[in-house]
């Protein structure tokens, strides 16, 4: 299967789900984005790892895992987001110890937090990106760094004329044309959490 390398593009705070963030991954040499909903702890761990100069007084869980692996000479070679099922992304850690390769299941948020610390690549398969990727149109995106994007929506988003759905039932009441319009506005405002929810709703309808 064709693999595509991904890079972290940012963290977007959820305005509709308390304590949740959208981790935004972008394909290498392409415009598609893969938003993945993660928890606040994992988002904090990823943000701290991206800020190389930030050292917590005590190691976070992912730092402890890295220290443990270093002591026992375990190398994380790569992370692969290998499956998408019911809107949930599944990942594996490809590790090496004494010349032997081992594969471990992991939540995607944990896998990415570790990939940053081990400085290893993150991949997904082309069919997953084809299905779940969001294409940025020309002029969309602000060019901010990943840590700068770990903020709430801009004031511009609050002034939109199209109502922002606050729940899954709100999305179900919209037509496909309305969903596509709201998705365009969500991407323009870098609200990837909302864009991911709309993408999942559109995929659900197309599967029926």
Protein backbone atom coordinates (compact mmCIF):
# COMPACT_ATOMS: atom_id res chain seq x y z
CA UNK A 1 0.00 0.00 0.00
CA UNK A 2 1.20 3.50 -0.83
CA UNK A 3 2.38 5.41 2.23
CA UNK A 4 2.31 9.18 2.68
CA UNK A 5 4.50 11.02 5.16
CA UNK A 6 2.74 13.49 7.45
CA UNK A 7 3.96 16.56 9.31
CA UNK A 8 2.38 18.39 12.23
CA UNK A 9 0.69 21.58 11.08
CA UNK A 10 -0.97 22.71 14.27
CA UNK A 11 -3.32 22.25 17.20
CA UNK A 12 -6.76 23.79 17.05
CA UNK A 13 -8.82 24.22 20.24
CA UNK A 14 -12.32 22.80 20.11
CA UNK A 15 -15.09 25.36 20.58
CA UNK A 16 -17.78 22.67 20.82
CA UNK A 17 -16.18 19.92 22.91
CA UNK A 18 -14.69 20.98 26.24
CA UNK A 19 -11.07 19.94 26.73
CA UNK A 20 -10.68 18.61 23.18
CA UNK A 21 -8.30 19.68 20.43
CA UNK A 22 -7.83 18.90 16.76
CA UNK A 23 -4.33 17.71 15.91
CA UNK A 24 -3.75 18.78 12.31
CA UNK A 25 -1.38 16.68 10.21
CA UNK A 26 -0.45 17.65 6.65
CA UNK A 27 0.81 15.49 3.83
CA UNK A 28 4.36 16.00 2.63
CA UNK A 29 4.48 17.86 -0.69
CA UNK A 30 0.71 18.26 -0.72
CA UNK A 31 -2.16 20.43 0.48
CA UNK A 32 -4.35 17.90 2.28
CA UNK A 33 -4.80 18.09 6.03
CA UNK A 34 -5.77 15.26 8.37
CA UNK A 35 -7.51 16.59 11.52
CA UNK A 36 -7.60 14.16 14.45
CA UNK A 37 -9.55 14.87 17.64
CA UNK A 38 -7.38 14.40 20.76
CA UNK A 39 -7.61 15.15 24.48
CA UNK A 40 -6.20 18.10 26.35
CA UNK A 41 -3.38 16.16 28.06
CA UNK A 42 -2.11 14.76 24.76
CA UNK A 43 -2.37 18.20 23.12
CA UNK A 44 -0.33 19.71 25.95
CA UNK A 45 2.28 16.98 25.63
CA UNK A 46 2.57 17.52 21.88
CA UNK A 47 2.80 21.32 22.28
CA UNK A 48 5.54 21.01 24.91
CA UNK A 49 7.52 18.63 22.72
CA UNK A 50 7.27 21.06 19.79
CA UNK A 51 8.68 23.83 21.98
CA UNK A 52 12.17 22.41 22.26
CA UNK A 53 13.22 24.83 25.00
CA UNK A 54 10.40 23.91 27.39
CA UNK A 55 11.38 21.37 30.05
CA UNK A 56 8.76 20.40 32.67
CA UNK A 57 10.10 20.10 36.23
CA UNK A 58 9.11 16.42 36.17
CA UNK A 59 8.87 14.23 33.05
CA UNK A 60 5.47 13.85 31.42
CA UNK A 61 4.26 10.35 30.62
CA UNK A 62 5.61 10.52 27.06
CA UNK A 63 8.95 11.86 28.34
CA UNK A 64 9.13 8.92 30.77
CA UNK A 65 8.46 6.51 27.90
CA UNK A 66 11.29 8.12 25.92
CA UNK A 67 13.70 7.95 28.88
CA UNK A 68 12.76 4.32 29.50
CA UNK A 69 13.33 3.44 25.84
CA UNK A 70 16.71 5.19 25.80
CA UNK A 71 17.93 3.33 28.89
CA UNK A 72 16.99 -0.04 27.38
CA UNK A 73 18.16 0.91 23.88
CA UNK A 74 14.75 0.75 22.26
CA UNK A 75 14.42 2.88 19.14
CA UNK A 76 11.14 4.15 17.74
CA UNK A 77 11.69 3.93 13.98
CA UNK A 78 8.33 5.19 12.70
CA UNK A 79 4.68 5.74 13.44
CA UNK A 80 2.00 4.52 11.04
CA UNK A 81 -1.64 5.64 11.12
CA UNK A 82 -2.88 2.45 9.54
CA UNK A 83 -6.66 2.34 9.97
CA UNK A 84 -9.70 4.61 10.13
CA UNK A 85 -12.85 3.06 11.55
CA UNK A 86 -16.03 4.89 12.59
CA UNK A 87 -14.14 8.19 12.69
CA UNK A 88 -11.37 6.79 14.93
CA UNK A 89 -7.75 6.64 13.74
CA UNK A 90 -5.64 3.61 14.74
CA UNK A 91 -1.84 3.73 14.87
CA UNK A 92 1.14 1.49 15.44
CA UNK A 93 4.64 2.11 16.78
CA UNK A 94 7.41 0.37 14.84
CA UNK A 95 10.22 -0.19 17.35
CA UNK A 96 13.66 -1.81 17.18
CA UNK A 97 15.72 -3.39 19.94
CA UNK A 98 18.92 -5.39 19.44
CA UNK A 99 18.21 -5.67 15.74
CA UNK A 100 14.71 -7.06 16.26
CA UNK A 101 11.64 -5.15 15.11
CA UNK A 102 8.50 -5.03 17.22
CA UNK A 103 5.13 -3.45 16.44
CA UNK A 104 2.92 -1.99 19.18
CA UNK A 105 -0.62 -0.64 18.98
CA UNK A 106 -1.06 2.95 20.17
CA UNK A 107 -3.55 5.77 20.22
CA UNK A 108 -2.71 8.20 17.46
CA UNK A 109 -2.31 11.12 19.90
CA UNK A 110 0.21 9.13 21.98
CA UNK A 111 1.98 7.91 18.86
CA UNK A 112 2.48 11.45 17.53
CA UNK A 113 3.63 12.73 20.95
CA UNK A 114 6.27 10.00 20.97
CA UNK A 115 7.25 10.55 17.33
CA UNK A 116 8.20 14.13 18.13
CA UNK A 117 10.38 13.04 21.05
CA UNK A 118 12.10 10.29 19.06
CA UNK A 119 12.37 12.52 15.98
CA UNK A 120 10.91 9.76 13.83
CA UNK A 121 8.58 10.02 10.81
CA UNK A 122 4.80 9.68 10.86
CA UNK A 123 3.09 7.96 7.93
CA UNK A 124 -0.41 7.06 6.83
CA UNK A 125 -1.73 5.21 3.82
CA UNK A 126 -2.96 6.92 0.70
CA UNK A 127 -6.47 5.46 0.97
CA UNK A 128 -6.88 6.90 4.49
CA UNK A 129 -5.77 10.32 3.33
CA UNK A 130 -8.05 10.08 0.29
CA UNK A 131 -11.00 9.32 2.54
CA UNK A 132 -10.35 11.61 5.54
CA UNK A 133 -8.07 14.34 4.22
CA UNK A 134 -9.30 17.90 3.91
CA UNK A 135 -8.00 19.90 0.97
CA UNK A 136 -7.11 23.52 1.64
CA UNK A 137 -8.20 25.81 -1.14
CA UNK A 138 -5.96 28.53 -2.48
CA UNK A 139 -5.55 31.34 0.04
CA UNK A 140 -6.71 29.31 3.04
CA UNK A 141 -4.46 28.90 6.06
CA UNK A 142 -2.46 31.56 7.88
CA UNK A 143 1.01 30.10 7.74
CA UNK A 144 1.28 30.11 11.53
CA UNK A 145 3.61 27.75 13.35
CA UNK A 146 2.08 24.67 15.03
CA UNK A 147 2.33 26.20 18.50
CA UNK A 148 0.79 29.48 17.33
CA UNK A 149 -2.21 27.54 16.05
CA UNK A 150 -2.92 26.05 19.49
CA UNK A 151 -5.45 28.78 20.14
CA UNK A 152 -9.19 29.30 19.97
CA UNK A 153 -10.97 30.48 16.84
CA UNK A 154 -10.26 33.97 15.68
CA UNK A 155 -12.70 36.86 16.14
CA UNK A 156 -13.44 36.58 12.46
CA UNK A 157 -14.94 33.13 13.04
CA UNK A 158 -17.34 34.52 15.60
CA UNK A 159 -18.74 36.97 13.04
CA UNK A 160 -19.65 34.35 10.43
CA UNK A 161 -23.12 34.59 8.94
CA UNK A 162 -23.52 30.81 8.65
CA UNK A 163 -24.62 29.28 11.99
CA UNK A 164 -21.98 27.00 13.53
CA UNK A 165 -23.41 23.58 14.49
CA UNK A 166 -22.85 22.78 18.17
CA UNK A 167 -23.79 19.11 18.12
CA UNK A 168 -24.09 16.07 15.90
CA UNK A 169 -27.86 16.54 15.66
CA UNK A 170 -27.30 20.03 14.26
CA UNK A 171 -25.16 18.55 11.50
CA UNK A 172 -27.77 15.94 10.65
CA UNK A 173 -30.31 18.67 9.99
CA UNK A 174 -28.12 20.31 7.32
CA UNK A 175 -28.17 19.53 3.63
CA UNK A 176 -25.01 18.39 1.86
CA UNK A 177 -24.64 21.81 0.25
CA UNK A 178 -24.89 23.47 3.66
CA UNK A 179 -22.38 21.04 5.14
CA UNK A 180 -19.90 21.77 2.36
CA UNK A 181 -20.36 25.51 2.85
CA UNK A 182 -19.83 25.26 6.61
CA UNK A 183 -16.78 23.05 6.05
CA UNK A 184 -15.23 25.65 3.72
CA UNK A 185 -15.75 28.32 6.39
CA UNK A 186 -14.40 26.06 9.13
CA UNK A 187 -11.24 25.34 7.15
CA UNK A 188 -10.82 29.03 6.32
CA UNK A 189 -11.01 29.83 10.05
CA UNK A 190 -8.76 26.87 10.91
CA UNK A 191 -11.49 25.23 12.96
CA UNK A 192 -10.29 21.74 12.06
CA UNK A 193 -12.27 20.12 14.87
CA UNK A 194 -15.54 21.26 13.27
CA UNK A 195 -14.25 20.39 9.80
CA UNK A 196 -13.47 16.85 10.99
CA UNK A 197 -17.00 16.43 12.38
CA UNK A 198 -18.52 17.63 9.12
CA UNK A 199 -16.23 15.33 7.13
CA UNK A 200 -17.40 12.36 9.20
CA UNK A 201 -21.06 13.31 8.70
CA UNK A 202 -20.58 13.61 4.92
CA UNK A 203 -18.80 10.24 4.83
CA UNK A 204 -21.65 8.68 6.85
CA UNK A 205 -24.22 9.91 4.34
CA UNK A 206 -22.20 8.80 1.34
CA UNK A 207 -21.88 5.31 2.84
CA UNK A 208 -25.68 4.95 3.11
